[in-house]
Amino acid sequence: MLTETISSISNPSQSQQLGGFVFISSCFDVWGGSEELFGATAKCLKQQGHEVYVFKLQISTHPRILELQAAGVKVIALNSLRFLKVKHLAFISIYYLVRLLSFLPIPTRCYFIHKQSLMLQTLKQIEPSLVVISQKDSDNIDPQRSFLLHTLRRIEPSLVVISQGDNFDGVKYAEICLELNLPYTIISQKASDTFLPYGNLRRMMQDMYRKAKFSFFVSQHNLSLTESQIGYSLTNAEVIRNPHRALIPEALPYPLIENDCFKIACVARLWILDKGQDILLKVLAQDKWQNRNLQISFFGEGIDRDALMDISTLLGIKNVRFHGFVNNILDIWHHHHALIMPSRAEGLPIALVEAMMCGRLGIVTDVGGISEVVEDNLTGFVSKGAFFTAVDEAMERAWQRRYEWEYIGKQSSIYIRKIIPPYPEKIFADKLIKLSNSQRWK
């Protein structure tokens, strides 16, 4: 049993000084960019002698998970999904359906009823033993919730950190913390202008943030938008930065421009709903872009890879390539002159920060916190929105100044270093320790 591995700190003197931390991730994927902050922070806390636990919907031999385990962090799969293994594809489909529905004006009460119904029906079909309906509460049984309640009681952490991929998907974890009277803090990695919490969800979100010991957002835009969405001023909130993998002292050398061909990289998960690669493909299908000496390389994996390749083929686009996931981000920027991100929703994309650190300008959309780090026409080119004409206009401005990209990229590398510290996870770990200590000595 996973819970049998959980033990309290055995050294009495240490237990008076060091608290235990629990991180709960709402990310459905084995690992996502939204998990880099808590992952790096968990290792920092463990190195300082704290007991650290990470709860995820699913775990595997992903390098980041192996790193956590090697550092001594206990990584635990949430009970309701422990036995899925190869059958988890059905749950992925449900998850993305729910994410799609979140963009539509559907009453939240109906949305959650529909979501719960889908989950329970699928659980029964895939693995009947996972759904044990009690006679006392047959309508509201949730194996994941039961597992978390039982396990958190045993751990008794000094602080729970709920890591959200969006700004609303940790609600049920906050409710569990409140039921157990556990102090918790929240990380929100994204807030979308296209999402509006209705009815019960808005009240649940307001309650979650109001009762949190502190809330962290990766951009000021996300913080302000969340306040607007829930109609509540978050006095116990601030912006925290994500760690990145471009830890270099200065910009990389600019790549050679061979045969006057400019190479642009689109670095993002292949997920149309948020990342908007479909918009870029439609722009590129125009004759003017097909006749220019330009190459676009897509880097990343995701459920929309086949869809994007099919769109590319349908539109007859000849100057795009799909390269998959690249572990060393510097490899990309040794060979590409600029970044393009046609995103529909963002927090503050790590890929953009890394590109700027490497001295590569961004052609980006004005969503999330992007305009907080990119100055239009100075350190990059900002589209007014994630739609065809706006992205095309920003690309056109960039193209007309393509022989200035090296200079603009260098300016962006100087600018981003003023905003993003080299090791945000250390700053975050210190903040969590202070929050933990303030709770323990009350």
Protein backbone atom coordinates (compact mmCIF):
# COMPACT_ATOMS: atom_id res chain seq x y z
CA MET A 1 0.00 0.00 0.00
CA LEU A 2 1.26 3.49 -0.83
CA THR A 3 0.13 4.83 2.52
CA GLU A 4 2.32 2.31 4.30
CA THR A 5 5.42 4.19 3.07
CA ILE A 6 4.34 7.36 4.86
CA SER A 7 6.10 8.06 8.13
CA SER A 8 6.57 11.09 10.31
CA ILE A 9 9.95 12.66 11.08
CA SER A 10 11.57 10.45 13.67
CA ASN A 11 14.10 12.88 15.15
CA PRO A 12 12.33 14.91 17.89
CA SER A 13 14.76 17.81 17.65
CA GLN A 14 14.26 18.02 13.89
CA SER A 15 10.49 17.80 14.21
CA GLN A 16 10.53 21.00 16.24
CA GLN A 17 12.40 22.85 13.50
CA LEU A 18 11.41 21.31 10.19
CA GLY A 19 7.92 21.00 8.82
CA GLY A 20 6.55 18.52 6.33
CA PHE A 21 5.33 19.75 2.94
CA VAL A 22 2.77 18.20 0.63
CA PHE A 23 2.47 19.23 -3.02
CA ILE A 24 -0.70 18.25 -4.88
CA SER A 25 -0.69 18.66 -8.64
CA SER A 26 -3.87 18.98 -10.69
CA CYS A 27 -1.99 18.22 -13.94
CA PHE A 28 -3.46 15.17 -15.66
CA ASP A 29 -0.38 14.53 -17.81
CA VAL A 30 2.52 12.53 -16.41
CA TRP A 31 4.44 15.82 -16.32
CA GLY A 32 3.70 19.31 -17.59
CA GLY A 33 5.40 22.70 -17.73
CA SER A 34 3.05 23.86 -14.98
CA GLU A 35 4.79 21.42 -12.63
CA GLU A 36 8.35 22.69 -13.02
CA LEU A 37 8.02 25.20 -10.17
CA PHE A 38 6.70 22.86 -7.51
CA GLY A 39 9.02 20.07 -8.70
CA ALA A 40 12.17 22.16 -8.33
CA THR A 41 10.91 23.63 -5.05
CA ALA A 42 10.17 20.18 -3.62
CA LYS A 43 13.79 19.19 -4.23
CA CYS A 44 15.01 22.41 -2.58
CA LEU A 45 12.95 21.73 0.54
CA LYS A 46 14.13 18.14 0.71
CA GLN A 47 17.75 19.26 0.47
CA GLN A 48 17.15 21.46 3.50
CA GLY A 49 15.98 18.48 5.54
CA HIS A 50 12.20 18.75 5.24
CA GLU A 51 9.91 15.82 4.61
CA VAL A 52 8.33 16.35 1.21
CA TYR A 53 5.48 14.48 -0.52
CA VAL A 54 4.15 14.94 -4.04
CA PHE A 55 0.70 13.71 -5.07
CA LYS A 56 -0.03 13.38 -8.78
CA LEU A 57 -2.89 11.93 -10.76
CA GLN A 58 -0.47 9.52 -12.41
CA ILE A 59 3.22 8.76 -12.13
CA SER A 60 5.70 7.00 -14.41
CA THR A 61 9.40 6.83 -15.20
CA HIS A 62 9.38 10.39 -16.54
CA PRO A 63 12.81 12.01 -15.89
CA ARG A 64 11.33 14.71 -13.62
CA ILE A 65 9.60 12.11 -11.45
CA LEU A 66 12.77 10.05 -11.24
CA GLU A 67 14.67 13.18 -10.18
CA LEU A 68 12.20 13.80 -7.38
CA GLN A 69 12.43 10.23 -6.17
CA ALA A 70 16.23 10.28 -6.35
CA ALA A 71 16.22 13.42 -4.20
CA GLY A 72 14.22 11.60 -1.52
CA VAL A 73 10.85 13.14 -2.30
CA LYS A 74 7.97 10.68 -1.88
CA VAL A 75 5.93 10.70 -5.11
CA ILE A 76 2.48 9.17 -4.68
CA ALA A 77 -0.16 8.41 -7.30
CA LEU A 78 -3.65 9.49 -6.32
CA ASN A 79 -5.73 6.46 -5.42
CA SER A 80 -8.58 6.89 -7.90
CA LEU A 81 -6.21 6.55 -10.86
CA ARG A 82 -3.65 4.10 -9.51
CA PHE A 83 -4.81 1.11 -11.53
CA LEU A 84 -5.42 2.74 -14.90
CA LYS A 85 -2.04 2.05 -16.53
CA VAL A 86 -2.64 1.62 -20.27
CA LYS A 87 -6.34 2.34 -19.84
CA HIS A 88 -5.70 5.97 -18.86
CA LEU A 89 -6.33 7.18 -22.44
CA ALA A 90 -10.05 7.22 -21.76
CA PHE A 91 -9.46 9.57 -18.86
CA ILE A 92 -7.31 11.84 -21.00
CA SER A 93 -10.21 12.16 -23.45
CA ILE A 94 -12.56 13.07 -20.62
CA TYR A 95 -10.09 15.58 -19.23
CA TYR A 96 -9.69 17.46 -22.49
CA LEU A 97 -13.45 17.40 -23.06
CA VAL A 98 -13.89 19.06 -19.68
CA ARG A 99 -11.19 21.64 -20.53
CA LEU A 100 -13.02 22.40 -23.78
CA LEU A 101 -16.32 22.80 -21.96
CA SER A 102 -14.70 25.30 -19.59
CA PHE A 103 -14.44 27.73 -22.50
CA LEU A 104 -18.18 27.56 -23.22
CA PRO A 105 -20.98 29.48 -21.43
CA ILE A 106 -22.42 26.42 -19.72
CA PRO A 107 -23.81 26.78 -16.18
CA THR A 108 -21.17 25.47 -13.84
CA ARG A 109 -23.53 23.31 -11.85
CA CYS A 110 -24.47 21.35 -14.97
CA TYR A 111 -20.83 21.22 -16.02
CA PHE A 112 -19.71 19.58 -12.80
CA ILE A 113 -22.63 17.16 -12.72
CA HIS A 114 -21.80 16.17 -16.30
CA LYS A 115 -18.11 15.79 -15.47
CA GLN A 116 -18.77 13.62 -12.41
CA SER A 117 -21.24 11.49 -14.34
CA LEU A 118 -18.77 10.90 -17.16
CA MET A 119 -15.99 10.00 -14.76
CA LEU A 120 -18.07 7.54 -12.77
CA GLN A 121 -19.55 5.88 -15.86
CA THR A 122 -16.10 5.43 -17.38
CA LEU A 123 -14.62 4.15 -14.13
CA LYS A 124 -17.35 1.53 -13.90
CA GLN A 125 -16.75 0.39 -17.49
CA ILE A 126 -12.95 0.33 -17.26
CA GLU A 127 -12.42 -1.01 -13.77
CA PRO A 128 -15.57 -1.77 -11.73
CA SER A 129 -13.47 -2.46 -8.64
CA LEU A 130 -12.38 1.18 -8.57
CA VAL A 131 -15.90 2.41 -7.90
CA VAL A 132 -17.10 1.10 -4.58
CA ILE A 133 -20.52 2.59 -3.95
CA SER A 134 -21.33 2.78 -0.28
CA GLN A 135 -24.91 2.39 0.86
CA LYS A 136 -24.56 5.56 2.91
CA ASP A 137 -23.37 7.88 0.16
CA SER A 138 -23.80 6.27 -3.25
CA ASP A 139 -24.13 9.56 -5.15
CA ASN A 140 -20.94 11.28 -4.03
CA ILE A 141 -18.33 8.54 -3.76
CA ASP A 142 -14.88 9.68 -4.91
CA PRO A 143 -11.97 7.25 -4.43
CA GLN A 144 -9.41 9.98 -5.02
CA ARG A 145 -10.91 12.16 -2.32
CA SER A 146 -11.10 9.27 0.14
CA PHE A 147 -7.49 8.37 -0.52
CA LEU A 148 -6.30 11.94 -0.01
CA LEU A 149 -8.29 12.38 3.18
CA HIS A 150 -6.88 9.18 4.66
CA THR A 151 -3.29 9.85 3.58
CA LEU A 152 -3.13 13.52 4.59
CA ARG A 153 -4.42 12.60 8.04
CA ARG A 154 -1.45 10.27 8.42
CA ILE A 155 1.13 12.74 7.12
CA GLU A 156 -0.14 15.80 9.05
CA PRO A 157 1.86 18.26 6.92
CA SER A 158 2.68 21.73 8.15
CA LEU A 159 1.69 23.13 4.75
CA VAL A 160 -0.06 21.84 1.63
CA VAL A 161 0.81 23.43 -1.73
CA ILE A 162 -1.87 23.03 -4.40
CA SER A 163 -0.34 23.41 -7.86
CA GLN A 164 -2.95 24.31 -10.49
CA GLY A 165 -2.48 24.20 -14.24
CA ASP A 166 -5.21 26.85 -14.45
CA ASN A 167 -6.65 29.00 -11.66
CA PHE A 168 -9.65 26.88 -10.71
CA ASP A 169 -8.68 23.19 -10.95
CA GLY A 170 -7.50 22.85 -7.35
CA VAL A 171 -10.87 23.58 -5.77
CA LYS A 172 -11.53 20.02 -4.61
CA TYR A 173 -8.06 19.77 -3.05
CA ALA A 174 -8.63 23.00 -1.13
CA GLU A 175 -11.93 21.60 0.16
CA ILE A 176 -10.09 18.55 1.50
CA CYS A 177 -7.54 20.75 3.27
CA LEU A 178 -10.31 22.79 4.85
CA GLU A 179 -12.09 19.64 5.99
CA LEU A 180 -8.87 18.43 7.65
CA ASN A 181 -8.03 21.91 8.98
CA LEU A 182 -4.71 21.88 7.10
CA PRO A 183 -3.11 25.18 6.05
CA TYR A 184 -2.66 25.43 2.30
CA THR A 185 -1.28 27.73 -0.33
CA ILE A 186 -2.07 27.88 -4.05
CA ILE A 187 -0.05 28.14 -7.24
CA SER A 188 -1.95 29.24 -10.36
CA GLN A 189 -0.05 28.68 -13.58
CA LYS A 190 -2.65 30.17 -15.92
CA ALA A 191 -5.78 32.29 -16.04
CA SER A 192 -7.72 32.63 -19.28
CA ASP A 193 -9.72 35.61 -20.53
CA THR A 194 -11.95 33.17 -22.41
CA PHE A 195 -12.99 31.40 -19.21
CA LEU A 196 -15.64 32.82 -16.89
CA PRO A 197 -16.56 30.94 -13.71
CA TYR A 198 -20.33 30.74 -13.37
CA GLY A 199 -22.50 30.32 -10.31
CA ASN A 200 -21.26 27.70 -7.91
CA LEU A 201 -17.74 27.52 -9.33
CA ARG A 202 -17.21 31.24 -8.77
CA ARG A 203 -18.25 30.87 -5.14
CA MET A 204 -16.03 27.81 -4.73
CA MET A 205 -13.05 29.64 -6.23
CA GLN A 206 -13.66 32.66 -4.03
CA ASP A 207 -13.79 30.44 -0.96
CA MET A 208 -10.61 28.59 -2.01
CA TYR A 209 -8.57 31.78 -2.43
CA ARG A 210 -10.05 33.59 0.55
CA LYS A 211 -9.16 30.78 2.95
CA ALA A 212 -5.70 30.05 1.50
CA LYS A 213 -2.74 31.15 3.61
CA PHE A 214 -1.26 32.64 0.45
CA SER A 215 -1.73 32.48 -3.31
CA PHE A 216 0.96 32.65 -5.97
CA PHE A 217 0.55 33.53 -9.64
CA VAL A 218 3.13 33.40 -12.43
CA SER A 219 2.09 36.78 -13.85
CA GLN A 220 0.39 39.94 -12.68
CA HIS A 221 -2.16 39.49 -15.45
CA ASN A 222 -3.19 36.12 -14.02
CA LEU A 223 -3.49 37.55 -10.52
CA SER A 224 -5.59 40.54 -11.62
CA LEU A 225 -7.77 38.43 -13.91
CA THR A 226 -8.48 35.92 -11.15
CA GLU A 227 -9.55 38.76 -8.85
CA SER A 228 -11.90 39.97 -11.57
CA GLN A 229 -13.30 36.50 -12.21
CA ILE A 230 -14.13 35.82 -8.57
CA GLY A 231 -14.99 39.40 -7.59
CA TYR A 232 -12.66 39.36 -4.62
CA SER A 233 -9.47 41.29 -3.80
CA LEU A 234 -6.59 38.92 -3.04
CA THR A 235 -4.57 40.74 -0.40
CA ASN A 236 -2.63 37.55 0.37
CA ALA A 237 -1.24 37.00 -3.13
CA GLU A 238 1.83 37.81 -5.19
CA VAL A 239 3.68 36.90 -8.38
CA ILE A 240 6.26 34.09 -8.34
CA ARG A 241 8.39 33.12 -11.32
CA ASN A 242 8.86 29.69 -12.86
CA PRO A 243 12.30 28.08 -13.12
CA HIS A 244 13.75 27.59 -16.59
CA ARG A 245 16.45 25.55 -18.33
CA ALA A 246 18.41 28.36 -19.98
CA LEU A 247 20.77 29.07 -17.08
CA ILE A 248 23.42 30.85 -19.13
CA PRO A 249 25.15 34.15 -18.28
CA GLU A 250 24.40 35.83 -21.60
CA ALA A 251 22.77 35.33 -24.99
CA LEU A 252 23.93 32.50 -27.22
CA PRO A 253 25.77 33.37 -30.46
CA TYR A 254 23.31 34.20 -33.23
CA PRO A 255 22.89 31.38 -35.77
CA LEU A 256 24.21 31.84 -39.27
CA ILE A 257 21.58 32.82 -41.84
CA GLU A 258 22.19 30.22 -44.51
CA ASN A 259 20.94 31.03 -48.02
CA ASP A 260 19.10 34.00 -46.51
CA CYS A 261 16.67 31.55 -44.83
CA PHE A 262 15.26 32.55 -41.44
CA LYS A 263 14.30 29.79 -39.03
CA ILE A 264 11.57 30.29 -36.43
CA ALA A 265 10.78 27.79 -33.68
CA CYS A 266 7.32 27.26 -32.19
CA VAL A 267 8.08 25.69 -28.80
CA ALA A 268 4.99 24.54 -26.93
CA ARG A 269 2.87 21.56 -26.07
CA LEU A 270 0.90 20.53 -29.15
CA TRP A 271 -2.45 21.53 -27.71
CA ILE A 272 -4.53 23.72 -29.99
CA LEU A 273 -7.01 24.83 -27.34
CA ASP A 274 -4.41 26.89 -25.45
CA LYS A 275 -1.35 27.08 -27.68
CA GLY A 276 -3.10 28.11 -30.91
CA GLN A 277 -0.80 26.40 -33.43
CA ASP A 278 -3.78 26.06 -35.76
CA ILE A 279 -3.88 29.85 -36.10
CA LEU A 280 -0.24 29.92 -37.13
CA LEU A 281 -0.76 27.23 -39.77
CA LYS A 282 -3.64 29.17 -41.31
CA VAL A 283 -1.47 32.29 -41.47
CA LEU A 284 1.41 30.37 -43.02
CA ALA A 285 -0.87 28.93 -45.71
CA GLN A 286 -1.00 32.33 -47.40
CA ASP A 287 0.99 32.64 -50.61
CA LYS A 288 3.16 35.43 -49.24
CA TRP A 289 4.51 33.22 -46.44
CA GLN A 290 4.88 30.19 -48.69
CA ASN A 291 6.95 32.25 -51.12
CA ARG A 292 9.27 33.67 -48.47
CA ASN A 293 12.56 32.15 -47.37
CA LEU A 294 11.20 31.05 -44.01
CA GLN A 295 11.15 27.77 -42.10
CA ILE A 296 8.93 27.05 -39.08
CA SER A 297 9.87 24.21 -36.72
CA PHE A 298 7.39 22.87 -34.17
CA PHE A 299 8.95 21.49 -31.00
CA GLY A 300 6.87 19.64 -28.42
CA GLU A 301 4.50 16.75 -27.99
CA GLY A 302 0.78 16.63 -27.30
CA ILE A 303 -2.57 15.17 -28.24
CA ASP A 304 -2.96 17.51 -31.23
CA ARG A 305 0.21 16.45 -33.07
CA ASP A 306 -1.68 14.41 -35.68
CA ALA A 307 -4.34 17.10 -36.05
CA LEU A 308 -1.73 19.79 -36.71
CA MET A 309 0.11 17.62 -39.21
CA ASP A 310 -3.18 16.92 -41.00
CA ILE A 311 -4.00 20.66 -41.10
CA SER A 312 -0.56 21.34 -42.52
CA THR A 313 -1.06 18.75 -45.24
CA LEU A 314 -4.60 19.96 -46.01
CA LEU A 315 -3.42 23.57 -46.43
CA GLY A 316 -0.44 22.52 -48.54
CA ILE A 317 2.12 24.17 -46.25
CA LYS A 318 5.64 23.26 -47.35
CA ASN A 319 7.85 25.16 -44.89
CA VAL A 320 6.93 23.54 -41.56
CA ARG A 321 8.54 20.64 -39.69
CA PHE A 322 7.51 18.72 -36.57
CA HIS A 323 10.51 17.71 -34.47
CA GLY A 324 8.90 16.41 -31.28
CA PHE A 325 10.19 17.06 -27.78
CA VAL A 326 13.80 18.23 -27.29
CA ASN A 327 15.25 17.81 -23.81
CA ASN A 328 18.04 20.37 -24.15
CA ILE A 329 16.41 23.71 -24.95
CA LEU A 330 19.76 25.23 -25.95
CA ASP A 331 19.91 22.86 -28.91
CA ILE A 332 16.91 24.63 -30.41
CA TRP A 333 18.33 28.13 -30.03
CA HIS A 334 21.70 27.28 -31.49
CA HIS A 335 19.88 26.81 -34.81
CA HIS A 336 16.82 29.11 -34.78
CA HIS A 337 16.57 32.87 -35.08
CA ALA A 338 13.28 33.61 -33.33
CA LEU A 339 10.37 32.13 -31.36
CA ILE A 340 6.71 32.26 -32.32
CA MET A 341 3.86 31.60 -29.86
CA PRO A 342 0.30 32.08 -31.19
CA SER A 343 -1.20 31.21 -27.78
CA ARG A 344 -4.85 31.65 -26.85
CA ALA A 345 -4.14 31.39 -23.10
CA GLU A 346 -0.98 31.50 -20.99
CA GLY A 347 0.41 32.21 -17.57
CA LEU A 348 3.97 33.23 -18.37
CA PRO A 349 5.37 30.63 -20.80
CA ILE A 350 8.70 29.13 -19.78
CA ALA A 351 9.58 28.63 -23.45
CA LEU A 352 9.40 32.38 -24.01
CA VAL A 353 11.64 33.12 -21.02
CA GLU A 354 14.17 30.55 -22.24
CA ALA A 355 14.18 31.96 -25.78
CA MET A 356 14.79 35.47 -24.47
CA MET A 357 17.54 34.26 -22.15
CA CYS A 358 19.20 32.76 -25.23
CA GLY A 359 18.89 36.04 -27.14
CA ARG A 360 15.99 35.14 -29.40
CA LEU A 361 13.07 37.50 -29.86
CA GLY A 362 9.48 36.36 -29.53
CA ILE A 363 6.61 36.86 -31.96
CA VAL A 364 3.81 36.40 -29.45
CA THR A 365 0.17 37.06 -28.64
CA ASP A 366 -0.95 39.48 -25.95
CA VAL A 367 -2.28 36.88 -23.53
CA GLY A 368 -1.41 36.08 -19.92
CA GLY A 369 1.76 37.75 -18.69
CA ILE A 370 3.51 37.84 -22.07
CA SER A 371 3.35 41.64 -22.41
CA GLU A 372 4.90 41.92 -18.95
CA VAL A 373 8.18 40.61 -20.37
CA VAL A 374 8.01 41.52 -24.09
CA GLU A 375 8.04 45.17 -25.17
CA ASP A 376 6.36 45.40 -28.56
CA ASN A 377 8.74 46.41 -31.35
CA LEU A 378 11.63 46.66 -28.85
CA THR A 379 12.28 43.19 -27.45
CA GLY A 380 9.80 41.30 -29.61
CA PHE A 381 6.61 41.61 -31.60
CA VAL A 382 3.24 41.34 -29.87
CA SER A 383 0.06 40.37 -31.68
CA LYS A 384 -3.06 42.14 -30.40
CA GLY A 385 -4.80 38.81 -30.02
CA ALA A 386 -4.86 35.13 -30.88
CA PHE A 387 -6.66 35.40 -34.22
CA PHE A 388 -5.66 35.24 -37.87
CA THR A 389 -5.33 38.92 -38.81
CA ALA A 390 -3.54 39.90 -35.58
CA VAL A 391 -0.98 37.09 -35.75
CA ASP A 392 -0.39 37.78 -39.43
CA GLU A 393 0.15 41.49 -38.72
CA ALA A 394 2.69 40.81 -35.94
CA MET A 395 4.55 38.32 -38.15
CA GLU A 396 4.62 40.85 -40.99
CA ARG A 397 6.12 43.54 -38.75
CA ALA A 398 8.73 41.06 -37.56
CA TRP A 399 9.55 39.91 -41.09
CA GLN A 400 10.11 43.45 -42.34
CA ARG A 401 12.75 43.85 -39.59
CA ARG A 402 14.27 40.37 -39.89
CA TYR A 403 17.80 41.68 -40.35
CA GLU A 404 17.47 43.35 -36.93
CA TRP A 405 16.52 40.12 -35.12
CA GLU A 406 20.01 39.59 -33.74
CA TYR A 407 20.07 43.04 -32.10
CA ILE A 408 16.48 42.77 -30.83
CA GLY A 409 17.26 39.32 -29.43
CA LYS A 410 20.24 40.66 -27.49
CA GLN A 411 18.08 43.43 -26.06
CA SER A 412 15.48 40.86 -25.02
CA SER A 413 18.15 38.78 -23.25
CA ILE A 414 19.21 41.83 -21.21
CA TYR A 415 15.62 42.76 -20.41
CA ILE A 416 14.47 39.30 -19.28
CA ARG A 417 17.38 38.98 -16.85
CA LYS A 418 16.08 42.03 -15.02
CA ILE A 419 12.73 40.31 -14.48
CA ILE A 420 13.41 36.60 -13.97
CA PRO A 421 15.83 35.50 -11.21
CA PRO A 422 18.13 32.55 -11.99
CA TYR A 423 16.67 30.23 -9.33
CA PRO A 424 13.02 31.10 -8.59
CA GLU A 425 12.52 27.75 -6.83
CA LYS A 426 14.88 28.81 -4.02
CA ILE A 427 12.90 31.99 -3.49
CA PHE A 428 9.67 30.02 -3.48
CA ALA A 429 11.05 27.44 -1.03
CA ASP A 430 12.00 30.22 1.41
CA LYS A 431 8.51 31.69 1.18
CA LEU A 432 6.91 28.31 1.88
CA ILE A 433 9.14 27.74 4.90
CA LYS A 434 8.12 31.11 6.33
CA LEU A 435 4.45 30.31 5.74
CA SER A 436 4.89 26.90 7.33
CA ASN A 437 6.64 28.32 10.40
CA SER A 438 4.01 31.01 10.84
CA GLN A 439 1.36 28.26 11.00
CA ARG A 440 3.25 25.93 13.33
CA TRP A 441 3.94 28.52 15.98
CA LYS A 442 0.46 30.06 16.14
